[in-house]
Amino acid sequence: MKKMALWEKMVLWFLAIIVLLIAFLVIVFYSSSYIANRPNFTIQELPEAHLNQPYYAKIEIEAAIIEEAVDIQVSNEDIMVEPKVYESHKDIYNKPVYRADYSNLTITGTPSELKPITIKLTGSTYGSMFVGKEFEKTYTIEVLE
């Protein structure tokens, strides 16, 4: 068997290091793109409601939500889920322009039935360096007497 020269060994080590570096960068890129822009819901469960008593809860989503992509479905007409509305700027006639912030939701109402209330949130986040993510979260509010 022929012995390898020193320069041949160095070339092999160099190529091995390049391959490992590329593999490392690919793994880091894919793992960070999986985690990036993923919405984080600050509360996982909503508090219980009581029959014929006012209900109030807040849900905050830690992500930039696309307003047009949000769909909110509530199983009970007595409960409303509304985004935070704020004045974003004034138009050329100095009239306020309002925007809805779907990352800050308020749940209000007075339940009139003793059955659980489901709230389903679906939507998308804005992309930045990575592609935006879609989300779907379902909350259940237990109604007690």
Protein backbone atom coordinates (compact mmCIF):
# COMPACT_ATOMS: atom_id res chain seq x y z
CA MET A 1 0.00 0.00 0.00
CA LYS A 2 1.32 3.37 -1.02
CA LYS A 3 2.01 5.98 1.66
CA MET A 4 0.26 9.34 1.34
CA ALA A 5 2.31 12.48 1.10
CA LEU A 6 1.85 15.19 3.71
CA TRP A 7 0.13 17.56 1.26
CA GLU A 8 -2.40 14.84 0.34
CA LYS A 9 -3.29 14.36 4.01
CA MET A 10 -3.71 18.11 4.43
CA VAL A 11 -6.03 18.29 1.42
CA LEU A 12 -8.19 15.48 2.84
CA TRP A 13 -8.39 17.22 6.24
CA PHE A 14 -9.29 20.49 4.54
CA LEU A 15 -12.09 18.83 2.53
CA ALA A 16 -13.41 17.07 5.64
CA ILE A 17 -13.52 20.37 7.54
CA ILE A 18 -15.33 22.07 4.63
CA VAL A 19 -17.94 19.27 4.49
CA LEU A 20 -18.50 19.42 8.28
CA LEU A 21 -18.82 23.21 8.16
CA ILE A 22 -21.41 23.06 5.37
CA ALA A 23 -23.38 20.38 7.26
CA PHE A 24 -23.28 22.51 10.42
CA LEU A 25 -24.53 25.60 8.57
CA VAL A 26 -27.38 23.66 6.93
CA ILE A 27 -28.48 22.26 10.31
CA VAL A 28 -28.36 25.70 11.95
CA PHE A 29 -30.30 27.32 9.09
CA TYR A 30 -33.09 24.73 9.07
CA SER A 31 -33.46 24.61 12.84
CA SER A 32 -33.58 28.41 13.15
CA SER A 33 -36.07 28.77 10.29
CA TYR A 34 -38.30 26.21 12.02
CA ILE A 35 -38.25 28.21 15.27
CA ALA A 36 -38.30 31.72 13.78
CA ASN A 37 -41.62 33.59 13.44
CA ARG A 38 -43.47 30.86 15.27
CA PRO A 39 -46.25 32.49 17.29
CA ASN A 40 -46.09 32.07 21.05
CA PHE A 41 -49.39 32.26 22.93
CA THR A 42 -48.87 33.81 26.37
CA ILE A 43 -51.66 31.77 27.96
CA GLN A 44 -52.40 28.16 27.11
CA GLU A 45 -55.78 27.88 28.86
CA LEU A 46 -58.53 30.42 29.44
CA PRO A 47 -60.10 30.86 32.90
CA GLU A 48 -63.49 29.34 33.66
CA ALA A 49 -66.65 31.39 33.17
CA HIS A 50 -69.72 31.54 35.40
CA LEU A 51 -73.28 31.44 34.10
CA ASN A 52 -74.88 34.89 33.64
CA GLN A 53 -71.79 36.69 34.95
CA PRO A 54 -69.56 38.97 32.85
CA TYR A 55 -66.46 37.25 31.46
CA TYR A 56 -63.17 38.93 30.61
CA ALA A 57 -59.87 37.45 29.46
CA LYS A 58 -56.91 38.50 27.32
CA ILE A 59 -54.83 36.52 24.85
CA GLU A 60 -51.49 37.86 23.69
CA ILE A 61 -49.65 36.33 20.77
CA GLU A 62 -45.93 37.07 20.58
CA ALA A 63 -45.58 37.44 16.81
CA ALA A 64 -46.40 39.92 14.06
CA ILE A 65 -49.83 38.76 12.87
CA ILE A 66 -51.16 39.46 9.36
CA GLU A 67 -54.56 41.10 9.97
CA GLU A 68 -56.16 39.89 6.73
CA ALA A 69 -55.23 36.27 7.46
CA VAL A 70 -56.84 35.99 10.91
CA ASP A 71 -60.00 33.94 11.37
CA ILE A 72 -61.72 33.81 14.77
CA GLN A 73 -64.55 31.34 15.33
CA VAL A 74 -66.55 31.39 18.58
CA SER A 75 -69.12 28.68 19.36
CA ASN A 76 -71.32 30.98 21.48
CA GLU A 77 -72.90 34.27 20.39
CA ASP A 78 -72.70 35.64 23.94
CA ILE A 79 -68.89 35.80 23.81
CA MET A 80 -66.96 38.23 21.60
CA VAL A 81 -63.28 38.14 20.67
CA GLU A 82 -61.96 41.51 19.55
CA PRO A 83 -58.50 42.78 18.63
CA LYS A 84 -56.95 45.82 20.25
CA VAL A 85 -57.69 48.90 18.13
CA TYR A 86 -55.30 51.83 18.18
CA GLU A 87 -54.60 55.01 16.25
CA SER A 88 -51.66 54.31 13.95
CA HIS A 89 -51.29 57.75 12.35
CA LYS A 90 -53.24 60.67 10.90
CA ASP A 91 -54.16 60.97 7.24
CA ILE A 92 -53.57 64.04 5.08
CA TYR A 93 -56.75 65.65 6.47
CA ASN A 94 -55.49 65.16 10.04
CA LYS A 95 -58.09 62.48 10.74
CA PRO A 96 -56.97 59.45 12.75
CA VAL A 97 -56.37 56.15 10.97
CA TYR A 98 -57.10 53.12 13.14
CA ARG A 99 -55.53 49.68 12.98
CA ALA A 100 -56.45 46.38 14.58
CA ASP A 101 -53.79 44.48 16.52
CA TYR A 102 -54.63 40.78 16.31
CA SER A 103 -51.71 39.84 18.54
CA ASN A 104 -53.62 41.36 21.47
CA LEU A 105 -57.12 39.87 21.76
CA THR A 106 -59.79 40.61 24.37
CA ILE A 107 -62.55 38.12 25.18
CA THR A 108 -65.71 39.58 26.71
CA GLY A 109 -69.33 38.62 27.18
CA THR A 110 -71.82 37.00 29.52
CA PRO A 111 -72.41 33.26 28.97
CA SER A 112 -76.09 32.30 29.15
CA GLU A 113 -75.76 28.52 28.66
CA LEU A 114 -74.03 25.83 30.72
CA LYS A 115 -72.09 24.35 27.82
CA PRO A 116 -68.39 24.82 27.01
CA ILE A 117 -67.43 27.67 24.69
CA THR A 118 -64.81 27.04 22.02
CA ILE A 119 -62.68 29.74 20.46
CA LYS A 120 -60.62 28.78 17.41
CA LEU A 121 -57.91 31.14 16.17
CA THR A 122 -56.20 30.63 12.81
CA GLY A 123 -53.91 32.91 10.89
CA SER A 124 -50.41 33.66 9.66
CA THR A 125 -47.41 35.62 10.83
CA TYR A 126 -45.32 38.01 8.78
CA GLY A 127 -42.06 36.67 7.45
CA SER A 128 -38.78 38.42 7.96
CA MET A 129 -35.51 36.70 7.24
CA PHE A 130 -37.50 33.46 7.27
CA VAL A 131 -40.90 32.59 5.86
CA GLY A 132 -43.96 33.46 7.99
CA LYS A 133 -45.72 30.66 9.83
CA GLU A 134 -49.36 29.64 9.97
CA PHE A 135 -50.95 28.99 13.34
CA GLU A 136 -54.05 27.38 14.74
CA LYS A 137 -55.04 27.42 18.40
CA THR A 138 -58.27 26.28 20.04
CA TYR A 139 -59.32 27.42 23.49
CA THR A 140 -62.18 25.98 25.54
CA ILE A 141 -63.93 27.97 28.26
CA GLU A 142 -65.77 25.85 30.80
CA VAL A 143 -69.01 27.49 31.98
CA LEU A 144 -69.86 26.82 35.64
CA GLU A 145 -72.99 27.61 37.61
